[in-house]
């Protein structure tokens, strides 16, 4: 498919210099601005929106799809083969992992306090 768009000259020059990466730039932009959430974030948001109890938060595990994609990206990263889009996806997964680590730590504190009562 061919698409024609009018751009300001300055932006057109910047994109022209990145012509080889134009498809990747557009894809990354669509991922970031589509519905505002990636499938990885959507998974966590849906889980948290369900109002999980502390023990459910501690037991939470990402989907097999998430785990497999993480493995794939980590392998490509070790081999220095990540595209910019994949690098952004891996960074996003790191943020999700950090959030879930913090949530699980807080949930464990709550469970420990409950067991002392």
PDB file of N, CA and C in Angstrom:
ATOM      1  N   UNK A   1       0.841  -1.162   0.000  1.00  0.00           N
ATOM      2  CA  UNK A   1       0.000   0.000   0.000  1.00  0.00           C
ATOM      3  C   UNK A   1       0.892   1.233   0.000  1.00  0.00           C
ATOM      4  N   UNK A   2       0.448   2.235  -0.692  1.00  0.00           N
ATOM      5  CA  UNK A   2       1.184   3.486  -0.732  1.00  0.00           C
ATOM      6  C   UNK A   2       0.334   4.564  -0.089  1.00  0.00           C
ATOM      7  N   UNK A   3       0.970   5.374   0.768  1.00  0.00           N
ATOM      8  CA  UNK A   3       0.282   6.460   1.458  1.00  0.00           C
ATOM      9  C   UNK A   3       1.048   7.745   1.200  1.00  0.00           C
ATOM     10  N   UNK A   4       0.322   8.808   0.889  1.00  0.00           N
ATOM     11  CA  UNK A   4       0.938  10.114   0.674  1.00  0.00           C
ATOM     12  C   UNK A   4       0.433  11.060   1.754  1.00  0.00           C
ATOM     13  N   UNK A   5       1.377  11.735   2.419  1.00  0.00           N
ATOM     14  CA  UNK A   5       0.990  12.698   3.454  1.00  0.00           C
ATOM     15  C   UNK A   5       1.776  13.990   3.268  1.00  0.00           C
ATOM     16  N   UNK A   6       1.173  15.089   3.682  1.00  0.00           N
ATOM     17  CA  UNK A   6       1.842  16.383   3.654  1.00  0.00           C
ATOM     18  C   UNK A   6       2.456  16.617   5.021  1.00  0.00           C
ATOM     19  N   UNK A   7       3.739  16.975   5.034  1.00  0.00           N
ATOM     20  CA  UNK A   7       4.467  17.220   6.278  1.00  0.00           C
ATOM     21  C   UNK A   7       5.161  18.572   6.212  1.00  0.00           C
ATOM     22  N   UNK A   8       5.368  19.180   7.364  1.00  0.00           N
ATOM     23  CA  UNK A   8       6.197  20.389   7.376  1.00  0.00           C
ATOM     24  C   UNK A   8       7.592  20.050   6.837  1.00  0.00           C
ATOM     25  N   UNK A   9       8.225  21.004   6.170  1.00  0.00           N
ATOM     26  CA  UNK A   9       9.531  20.754   5.551  1.00  0.00           C
ATOM     27  C   UNK A   9      10.566  20.197   6.529  1.00  0.00           C
ATOM     28  N   UNK A  10      10.613  20.765   7.718  1.00  0.00           N
ATOM     29  CA  UNK A  10      11.613  20.325   8.701  1.00  0.00           C
ATOM     30  C   UNK A  10      11.406  18.848   9.064  1.00  0.00           C
ATOM     31  N   UNK A  11      10.161  18.447   9.291  1.00  0.00           N
ATOM     32  CA  UNK A  11       9.877  17.059   9.625  1.00  0.00           C
ATOM     33  C   UNK A  11      10.163  16.154   8.432  1.00  0.00           C
ATOM     34  N   UNK A  12       9.822  16.604   7.240  1.00  0.00           N
ATOM     35  CA  UNK A  12      10.084  15.816   6.036  1.00  0.00           C
ATOM     36  C   UNK A  12      11.581  15.568   5.866  1.00  0.00           C
ATOM     37  N   UNK A  13      12.408  16.579   6.154  1.00  0.00           N
ATOM     38  CA  UNK A  13      13.865  16.394   6.058  1.00  0.00           C
ATOM     39  C   UNK A  13      14.347  15.377   7.088  1.00  0.00           C
ATOM     40  N   UNK A  14      13.813  15.479   8.307  1.00  0.00           N
ATOM     41  CA  UNK A  14      14.210  14.530   9.364  1.00  0.00           C
ATOM     42  C   UNK A  14      13.826  13.108   8.974  1.00  0.00           C
ATOM     43  N   UNK A  15      12.618  12.937   8.453  1.00  0.00           N
ATOM     44  CA  UNK A  15      12.184  11.607   8.035  1.00  0.00           C
ATOM     45  C   UNK A  15      12.971  11.113   6.828  1.00  0.00           C
ATOM     46  N   UNK A  16      13.283  12.029   5.928  1.00  0.00           N
ATOM     47  CA  UNK A  16      14.076  11.660   4.753  1.00  0.00           C
ATOM     48  C   UNK A  16      15.416  11.068   5.140  1.00  0.00           C
ATOM     49  N   UNK A  17      16.017  11.621   6.186  1.00  0.00           N
ATOM     50  CA  UNK A  17      17.307  11.113   6.665  1.00  0.00           C
ATOM     51  C   UNK A  17      17.152   9.734   7.314  1.00  0.00           C
ATOM     52  N   UNK A  18      15.936   9.387   7.693  1.00  0.00           N
ATOM     53  CA  UNK A  18      15.663   8.107   8.346  1.00  0.00           C
ATOM     54  C   UNK A  18      14.866   7.160   7.435  1.00  0.00           C
ATOM     55  N   UNK A  19      14.949   7.384   6.147  1.00  0.00           N
ATOM     56  CA  UNK A  19      14.120   6.654   5.190  1.00  0.00           C
ATOM     57  C   UNK A  19      14.189   5.141   5.369  1.00  0.00           C
ATOM     58  N   UNK A  20      15.354   4.613   5.637  1.00  0.00           N
ATOM     59  CA  UNK A  20      15.511   3.166   5.792  1.00  0.00           C
ATOM     60  C   UNK A  20      14.758   2.641   7.012  1.00  0.00           C
ATOM     61  N   UNK A  21      14.540   3.512   7.985  1.00  0.00           N
ATOM     62  CA  UNK A  21      13.869   3.102   9.221  1.00  0.00           C
ATOM     63  C   UNK A  21      12.432   3.611   9.304  1.00  0.00           C
ATOM     64  N   UNK A  22      11.926   4.173   8.235  1.00  0.00           N
ATOM     65  CA  UNK A  22      10.615   4.810   8.265  1.00  0.00           C
ATOM     66  C   UNK A  22       9.499   3.860   8.692  1.00  0.00           C
ATOM     67  N   UNK A  23       9.499   2.652   8.173  1.00  0.00           N
ATOM     68  CA  UNK A  23       8.463   1.683   8.549  1.00  0.00           C
ATOM     69  C   UNK A  23       8.510   1.402  10.051  1.00  0.00           C
ATOM     70  N   UNK A  24       9.698   1.231  10.577  1.00  0.00           N
ATOM     71  CA  UNK A  24       9.860   0.969  12.011  1.00  0.00           C
ATOM     72  C   UNK A  24       9.416   2.172  12.849  1.00  0.00           C
ATOM     73  N   UNK A  25       9.740   3.375  12.392  1.00  0.00           N
ATOM     74  CA  UNK A  25       9.345   4.591  13.115  1.00  0.00           C
ATOM     75  C   UNK A  25       7.824   4.692  13.184  1.00  0.00           C
ATOM     76  N   UNK A  26       7.162   4.430  12.084  1.00  0.00           N
ATOM     77  CA  UNK A  26       5.697   4.502  12.054  1.00  0.00           C
ATOM     78  C   UNK A  26       5.105   3.409  12.945  1.00  0.00           C
ATOM     79  N   UNK A  27       5.629   2.202  12.855  1.00  0.00           N
ATOM     80  CA  UNK A  27       5.135   1.096  13.684  1.00  0.00           C
ATOM     81  C   UNK A  27       5.284   1.411  15.169  1.00  0.00           C
ATOM     82  N   UNK A  28       6.428   1.932  15.535  1.00  0.00           N
ATOM     83  CA  UNK A  28       6.667   2.281  16.944  1.00  0.00           C
ATOM     84  C   UNK A  28       5.692   3.364  17.412  1.00  0.00           C
ATOM     85  N   UNK A  29       5.475   4.349  16.563  1.00  0.00           N
ATOM     86  CA  UNK A  29       4.532   5.408  16.901  1.00  0.00           C
ATOM     87  C   UNK A  29       3.122   4.876  17.071  1.00  0.00           C
ATOM     88  N   UNK A  30       2.715   3.973  16.202  1.00  0.00           N
ATOM     89  CA  UNK A  30       1.379   3.392  16.319  1.00  0.00           C
ATOM     90  C   UNK A  30       1.251   2.554  17.589  1.00  0.00           C
ATOM     91  N   UNK A  31       2.293   1.827  17.930  1.00  0.00           N
ATOM     92  CA  UNK A  31       2.260   1.035  19.161  1.00  0.00           C
ATOM     93  C   UNK A  31       2.141   1.935  20.380  1.00  0.00           C
ATOM     94  N   UNK A  32       2.868   3.026  20.368  1.00  0.00           N
ATOM     95  CA  UNK A  32       2.872   3.920  21.522  1.00  0.00           C
ATOM     96  C   UNK A  32       1.593   4.738  21.627  1.00  0.00           C
ATOM     97  N   UNK A  33       0.937   4.997  20.498  1.00  0.00           N
ATOM     98  CA  UNK A  33      -0.216   5.888  20.526  1.00  0.00           C
ATOM     99  C   UNK A  33      -1.512   5.221  20.113  1.00  0.00           C
ATOM    100  N   UNK A  34      -1.473   3.929  19.861  1.00  0.00           N
ATOM    101  CA  UNK A  34      -2.684   3.216  19.463  1.00  0.00           C
ATOM    102  C   UNK A  34      -3.800   3.428  20.459  1.00  0.00           C
ATOM    103  N   UNK A  35      -3.971   2.507  21.381  1.00  0.00           N
ATOM    104  CA  UNK A  35      -4.996   2.686  22.404  1.00  0.00           C
ATOM    105  C   UNK A  35      -4.360   3.089  23.720  1.00  0.00           C
ATOM    106  N   UNK A  36      -3.082   3.413  23.671  1.00  0.00           N
ATOM    107  CA  UNK A  36      -2.389   3.870  24.874  1.00  0.00           C
ATOM    108  C   UNK A  36      -1.800   2.750  25.714  1.00  0.00           C
ATOM    109  N   UNK A  37      -2.135   1.517  25.377  1.00  0.00           N
ATOM    110  CA  UNK A  37      -1.603   0.414  26.165  1.00  0.00           C
ATOM    111  C   UNK A  37      -1.187  -0.737  25.265  1.00  0.00           C
ATOM    112  N   UNK A  38      -0.077  -1.333  25.593  1.00  0.00           N
ATOM    113  CA  UNK A  38       0.388  -2.509  24.867  1.00  0.00           C
ATOM    114  C   UNK A  38      -0.312  -3.738  25.435  1.00  0.00           C
ATOM    115  N   UNK A  39      -0.243  -4.862  24.755  1.00  0.00           N
ATOM    116  CA  UNK A  39      -0.820  -6.089  25.307  1.00  0.00           C
ATOM    117  C   UNK A  39      -0.191  -6.459  26.659  1.00  0.00           C
ATOM    118  N   UNK A  40       1.067  -6.132  26.834  1.00  0.00           N
ATOM    119  CA  UNK A  40       1.759  -6.443  28.099  1.00  0.00           C
ATOM    120  C   UNK A  40       1.160  -5.618  29.246  1.00  0.00           C
ATOM    121  N   UNK A  41       0.997  -4.310  29.008  1.00  0.00           N
ATOM    122  CA  UNK A  41       0.394  -3.458  30.037  1.00  0.00           C
ATOM    123  C   UNK A  41      -1.075  -3.822  30.241  1.00  0.00           C
ATOM    124  N   UNK A  42      -1.772  -4.124  29.160  1.00  0.00           N
ATOM    125  CA  UNK A  42      -3.191  -4.470  29.246  1.00  0.00           C
ATOM    126  C   UNK A  42      -3.386  -5.660  30.184  1.00  0.00           C
ATOM    127  N   UNK A  43      -2.516  -6.653  30.087  1.00  0.00           N
ATOM    128  CA  UNK A  43      -2.587  -7.841  30.942  1.00  0.00           C
ATOM    129  C   UNK A  43      -2.525  -7.451  32.428  1.00  0.00           C
ATOM    130  N   UNK A  44      -1.586  -6.584  32.775  1.00  0.00           N
ATOM    131  CA  UNK A  44      -1.412  -6.155  34.163  1.00  0.00           C
ATOM    132  C   UNK A  44      -2.589  -5.275  34.600  1.00  0.00           C
ATOM    133  N   UNK A  45      -3.013  -4.367  33.742  1.00  0.00           N
ATOM    134  CA  UNK A  45      -4.127  -3.469  34.071  1.00  0.00           C
ATOM    135  C   UNK A  45      -5.398  -4.264  34.331  1.00  0.00           C
ATOM    136  N   UNK A  46      -5.680  -5.236  33.480  1.00  0.00           N
ATOM    137  CA  UNK A  46      -6.879  -6.055  33.681  1.00  0.00           C
ATOM    138  C   UNK A  46      -6.799  -6.833  34.992  1.00  0.00           C
ATOM    139  N   UNK A  47      -5.618  -7.358  35.307  1.00  0.00           N
ATOM    140  CA  UNK A  47      -5.439  -8.082  36.560  1.00  0.00           C
ATOM    141  C   UNK A  47      -5.689  -7.159  37.752  1.00  0.00           C
ATOM    142  N   UNK A  48      -5.082  -5.986  37.740  1.00  0.00           N
ATOM    143  CA  UNK A  48      -5.234  -5.053  38.861  1.00  0.00           C
ATOM    144  C   UNK A  48      -6.662  -4.518  38.962  1.00  0.00           C
ATOM    145  N   UNK A  49      -7.320  -4.335  37.832  1.00  0.00           N
ATOM    146  CA  UNK A  49      -8.693  -3.841  37.832  1.00  0.00           C
ATOM    147  C   UNK A  49      -9.662  -4.855  38.434  1.00  0.00           C
ATOM    148  N   UNK A  50      -9.251  -6.103  38.464  1.00  0.00           N
ATOM    149  CA  UNK A  50     -10.119  -7.137  39.041  1.00  0.00           C
ATOM    150  C   UNK A  50     -10.126  -7.092  40.568  1.00  0.00           C
ATOM    151  N   UNK A  51      -9.294  -6.228  41.157  1.00  0.00           N
ATOM    152  CA  UNK A  51      -9.250  -6.090  42.608  1.00  0.00           C
ATOM    153  C   UNK A  51      -8.656  -7.300  43.312  1.00  0.00           C
ATOM    154  N   UNK A  52      -7.471  -7.717  42.909  1.00  0.00           N
ATOM    155  CA  UNK A  52      -6.896  -8.926  43.506  1.00  0.00           C
ATOM    156  C   UNK A  52      -6.570  -8.758  44.993  1.00  0.00           C
ATOM    157  N   UNK A  53      -6.693  -9.838  45.733  1.00  0.00           N
ATOM    158  CA  UNK A  53      -6.295  -9.860  47.141  1.00  0.00           C
ATOM    159  C   UNK A  53      -4.771  -9.971  47.195  1.00  0.00           C
ATOM    160  N   UNK A  54      -4.155  -9.636  48.318  1.00  0.00           N
ATOM    161  CA  UNK A  54      -2.686  -9.693  48.421  1.00  0.00           C
ATOM    162  C   UNK A  54      -2.097 -11.046  47.994  1.00  0.00           C
ATOM    163  N   UNK A  55      -2.743 -12.136  48.372  1.00  0.00           N
ATOM    164  CA  UNK A  55      -2.202 -13.452  47.992  1.00  0.00           C
ATOM    165  C   UNK A  55      -2.296 -13.689  46.482  1.00  0.00           C
ATOM    166  N   UNK A  56      -3.280 -13.084  45.834  1.00  0.00           N
ATOM    167  CA  UNK A  56      -3.383 -13.198  44.377  1.00  0.00           C
ATOM    168  C   UNK A  56      -2.302 -12.368  43.690  1.00  0.00           C
ATOM    169  N   UNK A  57      -1.977 -11.228  44.272  1.00  0.00           N
ATOM    170  CA  UNK A  57      -0.895 -10.396  43.720  1.00  0.00           C
ATOM    171  C   UNK A  57       0.424 -11.155  43.815  1.00  0.00           C
ATOM    172  N   UNK A  58       0.688 -11.759  44.962  1.00  0.00           N
ATOM    173  CA  UNK A  58       1.927 -12.528  45.148  1.00  0.00           C
ATOM    174  C   UNK A  58       1.988 -13.690  44.153  1.00  0.00           C
ATOM    175  N   UNK A  59       0.846 -14.320  43.882  1.00  0.00           N
ATOM    176  CA  UNK A  59       0.807 -15.486  42.998  1.00  0.00           C
ATOM    177  C   UNK A  59       0.774 -15.118  41.510  1.00  0.00           C
ATOM    178  N   UNK A  60       0.587 -13.844  41.190  1.00  0.00           N
ATOM    179  CA  UNK A  60       0.459 -13.430  39.793  1.00  0.00           C
ATOM    180  C   UNK A  60       1.680 -13.822  38.978  1.00  0.00           C
ATOM    181  N   UNK A  61       1.431 -14.376  37.808  1.00  0.00           N
ATOM    182  CA  UNK A  61       2.480 -14.704  36.843  1.00  0.00           C
ATOM    183  C   UNK A  61       2.030 -14.183  35.480  1.00  0.00           C
ATOM    184  N   UNK A  62       2.959 -13.677  34.693  1.00  0.00           N
ATOM    185  CA  UNK A  62       2.578 -13.201  33.360  1.00  0.00           C
ATOM    186  C   UNK A  62       2.144 -14.375  32.483  1.00  0.00           C
ATOM    187  N   UNK A  63       1.419 -14.053  31.423  1.00  0.00           N
ATOM    188  CA  UNK A  63       0.956 -15.083  30.497  1.00  0.00           C
ATOM    189  C   UNK A  63       2.149 -15.750  29.817  1.00  0.00           C
ATOM    190  N   UNK A  64       1.903 -16.925  29.278  1.00  0.00           N
ATOM    191  CA  UNK A  64       2.955 -17.652  28.554  1.00  0.00           C
ATOM    192  C   UNK A  64       3.427 -16.841  27.352  1.00  0.00           C
ATOM    193  N   UNK A  65       2.516 -16.135  26.700  1.00  0.00           N
ATOM    194  CA  UNK A  65       2.875 -15.276  25.568  1.00  0.00           C
ATOM    195  C   UNK A  65       3.862 -14.193  26.010  1.00  0.00           C
ATOM    196  N   UNK A  66       3.582 -13.596  27.157  1.00  0.00           N
ATOM    197  CA  UNK A  66       4.474 -12.557  27.704  1.00  0.00           C
ATOM    198  C   UNK A  66       5.849 -13.142  28.019  1.00  0.00           C
ATOM    199  N   UNK A  67       5.863 -14.292  28.653  1.00  0.00           N
ATOM    200  CA  UNK A  67       7.129 -14.939  29.024  1.00  0.00           C
ATOM    201  C   UNK A  67       7.930 -15.296  27.777  1.00  0.00           C
ATOM    202  N   UNK A  68       7.268 -15.868  26.786  1.00  0.00           N
ATOM    203  CA  UNK A  68       7.957 -16.267  25.557  1.00  0.00           C
ATOM    204  C   UNK A  68       8.517 -15.055  24.821  1.00  0.00           C
ATOM    205  N   UNK A  69       7.732 -13.977  24.757  1.00  0.00           N
ATOM    206  CA  UNK A  69       8.214 -12.757  24.091  1.00  0.00           C
ATOM    207  C   UNK A  69       9.406 -12.167  24.847  1.00  0.00           C
ATOM    208  N   UNK A  70       9.365 -12.217  26.163  1.00  0.00           N
ATOM    209  CA  UNK A  70      10.490 -11.737  26.977  1.00  0.00           C
ATOM    210  C   UNK A  70      11.752 -12.520  26.652  1.00  0.00           C
ATOM    211  N   UNK A  71      11.609 -13.837  26.594  1.00  0.00           N
ATOM    212  CA  UNK A  71      12.774 -14.688  26.268  1.00  0.00           C
ATOM    213  C   UNK A  71      13.354 -14.339  24.905  1.00  0.00           C
ATOM    214  N   UNK A  72      12.456 -14.163  23.941  1.00  0.00           N
ATOM    215  CA  UNK A  72      12.884 -13.833  22.586  1.00  0.00           C
ATOM    216  C   UNK A  72      13.638 -12.504  22.553  1.00  0.00           C
ATOM    217  N   UNK A  73      13.101 -11.491  23.217  1.00  0.00           N
ATOM    218  CA  UNK A  73      13.744 -10.182  23.229  1.00  0.00           C
ATOM    219  C   UNK A  73      15.062 -10.209  23.991  1.00  0.00           C
ATOM    220  N   UNK A  74      15.101 -10.932  25.093  1.00  0.00           N
ATOM    221  CA  UNK A  74      16.358 -11.032  25.852  1.00  0.00           C
ATOM    222  C   UNK A  74      17.440 -11.730  25.039  1.00  0.00           C
ATOM    223  N   UNK A  75      17.059 -12.752  24.295  1.00  0.00           N
ATOM    224  CA  UNK A  75      18.024 -13.442  23.437  1.00  0.00           C
ATOM    225  C   UNK A  75      18.550 -12.491  22.360  1.00  0.00           C
ATOM    226  N   UNK A  76      17.633 -11.797  21.698  1.00  0.00           N
ATOM    227  CA  UNK A  76      18.048 -10.854  20.663  1.00  0.00           C
ATOM    228  C   UNK A  76      18.922  -9.746  21.245  1.00  0.00           C
ATOM    229  N   UNK A  77      18.628  -9.338  22.470  1.00  0.00           N
ATOM    230  CA  UNK A  77      19.428  -8.310  23.128  1.00  0.00           C
ATOM    231  C   UNK A  77      20.851  -8.820  23.369  1.00  0.00           C
ATOM    232  N   UNK A  78      20.962 -10.046  23.863  1.00  0.00           N
ATOM    233  CA  UNK A  78      22.300 -10.637  24.089  1.00  0.00           C
ATOM    234  C   UNK A  78      23.103 -10.733  22.795  1.00  0.00           C
ATOM    235  N   UNK A  79      22.389 -10.956  21.691  1.00  0.00           N
ATOM    236  CA  UNK A  79      23.042 -11.082  20.386  1.00  0.00           C
ATOM    237  C   UNK A  79      23.176  -9.736  19.675  1.00  0.00           C
ATOM    238  N   UNK A  80      22.798  -8.653  20.358  1.00  0.00           N
ATOM    239  CA  UNK A  80      22.827  -7.296  19.791  1.00  0.00           C
ATOM    240  C   UNK A  80      22.031  -7.219  18.483  1.00  0.00           C
ATOM    241  N   UNK A  81      20.840  -7.824  18.485  1.00  0.00           N
ATOM    242  CA  UNK A  81      20.018  -7.863  17.278  1.00  0.00           C
ATOM    243  C   UNK A  81      18.665  -7.173  17.452  1.00  0.00           C
ATOM    244  N   UNK A  82      18.483  -6.418  18.531  1.00  0.00           N
ATOM    245  CA  UNK A  82      17.207  -5.746  18.753  1.00  0.00           C
ATOM    246  C   UNK A  82      17.025  -4.566  17.811  1.00  0.00           C
ATOM    247  N   UNK A  83      15.818  -4.436  17.287  1.00  0.00           N
ATOM    248  CA  UNK A  83      15.474  -3.216  16.559  1.00  0.00           C
ATOM    249  C   UNK A  83      15.122  -2.158  17.606  1.00  0.00           C
ATOM    250  N   UNK A  84      14.958  -0.923  17.186  1.00  0.00           N
ATOM    251  CA  UNK A  84      14.569   0.130  18.125  1.00  0.00           C
ATOM    252  C   UNK A  84      13.205  -0.169  18.735  1.00  0.00           C
ATOM    253  N   UNK A  85      12.298  -0.685  17.933  1.00  0.00           N
ATOM    254  CA  UNK A  85      10.962  -1.026  18.422  1.00  0.00           C
ATOM    255  C   UNK A  85      11.046  -2.125  19.475  1.00  0.00           C
ATOM    256  N   UNK A  86      11.850  -3.126  19.215  1.00  0.00           N
ATOM    257  CA  UNK A  86      12.012  -4.224  20.177  1.00  0.00           C
ATOM    258  C   UNK A  86      12.697  -3.742  21.450  1.00  0.00           C
ATOM    259  N   UNK A  87      13.633  -2.832  21.298  1.00  0.00           N
ATOM    260  CA  UNK A  87      14.295  -2.273  22.478  1.00  0.00           C
ATOM    261  C   UNK A  87      13.287  -1.535  23.352  1.00  0.00           C
ATOM    262  N   UNK A  88      12.401  -0.786  22.720  1.00  0.00           N
ATOM    263  CA  UNK A  88      11.352  -0.079  23.469  1.00  0.00           C
ATOM    264  C   UNK A  88      10.416  -1.076  24.142  1.00  0.00           C
ATOM    265  N   UNK A  89      10.100  -2.152  23.457  1.00  0.00           N
ATOM    266  CA  UNK A  89       9.234  -3.193  24.030  1.00  0.00           C
ATOM    267  C   UNK A  89       9.898  -3.850  25.234  1.00  0.00           C
ATOM    268  N   UNK A  90      11.191  -4.127  25.118  1.00  0.00           N
ATOM    269  CA  UNK A  90      11.927  -4.728  26.235  1.00  0.00           C
ATOM    270  C   UNK A  90      11.984  -3.756  27.413  1.00  0.00           C
ATOM    271  N   UNK A  91      12.188  -2.478  27.149  1.00  0.00           N
ATOM    272  CA  UNK A  91      12.173  -1.463  28.216  1.00  0.00           C
ATOM    273  C   UNK A  91      10.817  -1.441  28.909  1.00  0.00           C
ATOM    274  N   UNK A  92       9.763  -1.541  28.121  1.00  0.00           N
ATOM    275  CA  UNK A  92       8.412  -1.551  28.672  1.00  0.00           C
ATOM    276  C   UNK A  92       8.222  -2.768  29.583  1.00  0.00           C
ATOM    277  N   UNK A  93       8.710  -3.901  29.158  1.00  0.00           N
ATOM    278  CA  UNK A  93       8.608  -5.108  29.980  1.00  0.00           C
ATOM    279  C   UNK A  93       9.384  -4.945  31.283  1.00  0.00           C
ATOM    280  N   UNK A  94      10.501  -4.258  31.222  1.00  0.00           N
ATOM    281  CA  UNK A  94      11.282  -3.996  32.427  1.00  0.00           C
ATOM    282  C   UNK A  94      10.479  -3.125  33.405  1.00  0.00           C
ATOM    283  N   UNK A  95       9.786  -2.125  32.889  1.00  0.00           N
ATOM    284  CA  UNK A  95       8.949  -1.267  33.738  1.00  0.00           C
ATOM    285  C   UNK A  95       7.813  -2.075  34.380  1.00  0.00           C
ATOM    286  N   UNK A  96       7.203  -2.940  33.589  1.00  0.00           N
ATOM    287  CA  UNK A  96       6.123  -3.783  34.109  1.00  0.00           C
ATOM    288  C   UNK A  96       6.659  -4.695  35.203  1.00  0.00           C
ATOM    289  N   UNK A  97       7.814  -5.302  34.962  1.00  0.00           N
ATOM    290  CA  UNK A  97       8.420  -6.191  35.954  1.00  0.00           C
ATOM    291  C   UNK A  97       8.721  -5.434  37.250  1.00  0.00           C
ATOM    292  N   UNK A  98       9.226  -4.227  37.126  1.00  0.00           N
ATOM    293  CA  UNK A  98       9.534  -3.414  38.302  1.00  0.00           C
ATOM    294  C   UNK A  98       8.259  -3.102  39.094  1.00  0.00           C
ATOM    295  N   UNK A  99       7.208  -2.709  38.388  1.00  0.00           N
ATOM    296  CA  UNK A  99       5.936  -2.425  39.036  1.00  0.00           C
ATOM    297  C   UNK A  99       5.427  -3.653  39.786  1.00  0.00           C
ATOM    298  N   UNK A 100       5.453  -4.805  39.130  1.00  0.00           N
ATOM    299  CA  UNK A 100       4.935  -6.013  39.771  1.00  0.00           C
ATOM    300  C   UNK A 100       5.811  -6.432  40.952  1.00  0.00           C
ATOM    301  N   UNK A 101       7.103  -6.209  40.883  1.00  0.00           N
ATOM    302  CA  UNK A 101       7.991  -6.503  42.010  1.00  0.00           C
ATOM    303  C   UNK A 101       7.618  -5.651  43.211  1.00  0.00           C
ATOM    304  N   UNK A 102       7.374  -4.366  42.972  1.00  0.00           N
ATOM    305  CA  UNK A 102       6.967  -3.469  44.060  1.00  0.00           C
ATOM    306  C   UNK A 102       5.610  -3.867  44.637  1.00  0.00           C
ATOM    307  N   UNK A 103       4.661  -4.192  43.764  1.00  0.00           N
ATOM    308  CA  UNK A 103       3.334  -4.608  44.229  1.00  0.00           C
ATOM    309  C   UNK A 103       3.408  -5.887  45.058  1.00  0.00           C
ATOM    310  N   UNK A 104       4.206  -6.829  44.596  1.00  0.00           N
ATOM    311  CA  UNK A 104       4.336  -8.094  45.327  1.00  0.00           C
ATOM    312  C   UNK A 104       5.002  -7.877  46.682  1.00  0.00           C
ATOM    313  N   UNK A 105       5.974  -6.984  46.746  1.00  0.00           N
ATOM    314  CA  UNK A 105       6.633  -6.693  48.027  1.00  0.00           C
ATOM    315  C   UNK A 105       5.625  -6.104  49.014  1.00  0.00           C
ATOM    316  N   UNK A 106       4.790  -5.187  48.550  1.00  0.00           N
ATOM    317  CA  UNK A 106       3.773  -4.597  49.422  1.00  0.00           C
ATOM    318  C   UNK A 106       2.743  -5.641  49.842  1.00  0.00           C
ATOM    319  N   UNK A 107       2.353  -6.494  48.908  1.00  0.00           N
ATOM    320  CA  UNK A 107       1.376  -7.543  49.226  1.00  0.00           C
ATOM    321  C   UNK A 107       1.950  -8.505  50.272  1.00  0.00           C
ATOM    322  N   UNK A 108       3.223  -8.815  50.163  1.00  0.00           N
ATOM    323  CA  UNK A 108       3.864  -9.693  51.157  1.00  0.00           C
ATOM    324  C   UNK A 108       3.893  -9.037  52.539  1.00  0.00           C
ATOM    325  N   UNK A 109       4.110  -7.725  52.582  1.00  0.00           N
ATOM    326  CA  UNK A 109       4.076  -7.006  53.869  1.00  0.00           C
ATOM    327  C   UNK A 109       2.691  -7.113  54.500  1.00  0.00           C
ATOM    328  N   UNK A 110       1.667  -6.934  53.680  1.00  0.00           N
ATOM    329  CA  UNK A 110       0.290  -7.031  54.179  1.00  0.00           C
ATOM    330  C   UNK A 110       0.023  -8.432  54.707  1.00  0.00           C
ATOM    331  N   UNK A 111       0.435  -9.438  53.952  1.00  0.00           N
ATOM    332  CA  UNK A 111       0.217 -10.829  54.392  1.00  0.00           C
ATOM    333  C   UNK A 111       0.983 -11.137  55.672  1.00  0.00           C
ATOM    334  N   UNK A 112       2.200 -10.608  55.788  1.00  0.00           N
ATOM    335  CA  UNK A 112       2.990 -10.836  57.002  1.00  0.00           C
ATOM    336  C   UNK A 112       2.320 -10.179  58.206  1.00  0.00           C
ATOM    337  N   UNK A 113       1.793  -8.979  58.028  1.00  0.00           N
ATOM    338  CA  UNK A 113       1.107  -8.280  59.107  1.00  0.00           C
ATOM    339  C   UNK A 113      -0.167  -9.020  59.504  1.00  0.00           C
ATOM    340  N   UNK A 114      -0.856  -9.562  58.536  1.00  0.00           N
ATOM    341  CA  UNK A 114      -2.079 -10.317  58.820  1.00  0.00           C
ATOM    342  C   UNK A 114      -1.777 -11.595  59.587  1.00  0.00           C
ATOM    343  N   UNK A 115      -0.682 -12.231  59.272  1.00  0.00           N
ATOM    344  CA  UNK A 115      -0.350 -13.488  59.946  1.00  0.00           C
ATOM    345  C   UNK A 115       0.101 -13.262  61.394  1.00  0.00           C
ATOM    346  N   UNK A 116       0.564 -12.059  61.703  1.00  0.00           N
ATOM    347  CA  UNK A 116       0.983 -11.718  63.069  1.00  0.00           C
ATOM    348  C   UNK A 116      -0.218 -11.371  63.950  1.00  0.00           C
ATOM    349  N   UNK A 117      -1.322 -11.020  63.303  1.00  0.00           N
ATOM    350  CA  UNK A 117      -2.518 -10.608  64.065  1.00  0.00           C
ATOM    351  C   UNK A 117      -3.271 -11.798  64.628  1.00  0.00           C
TER     352      UNK A 117
END
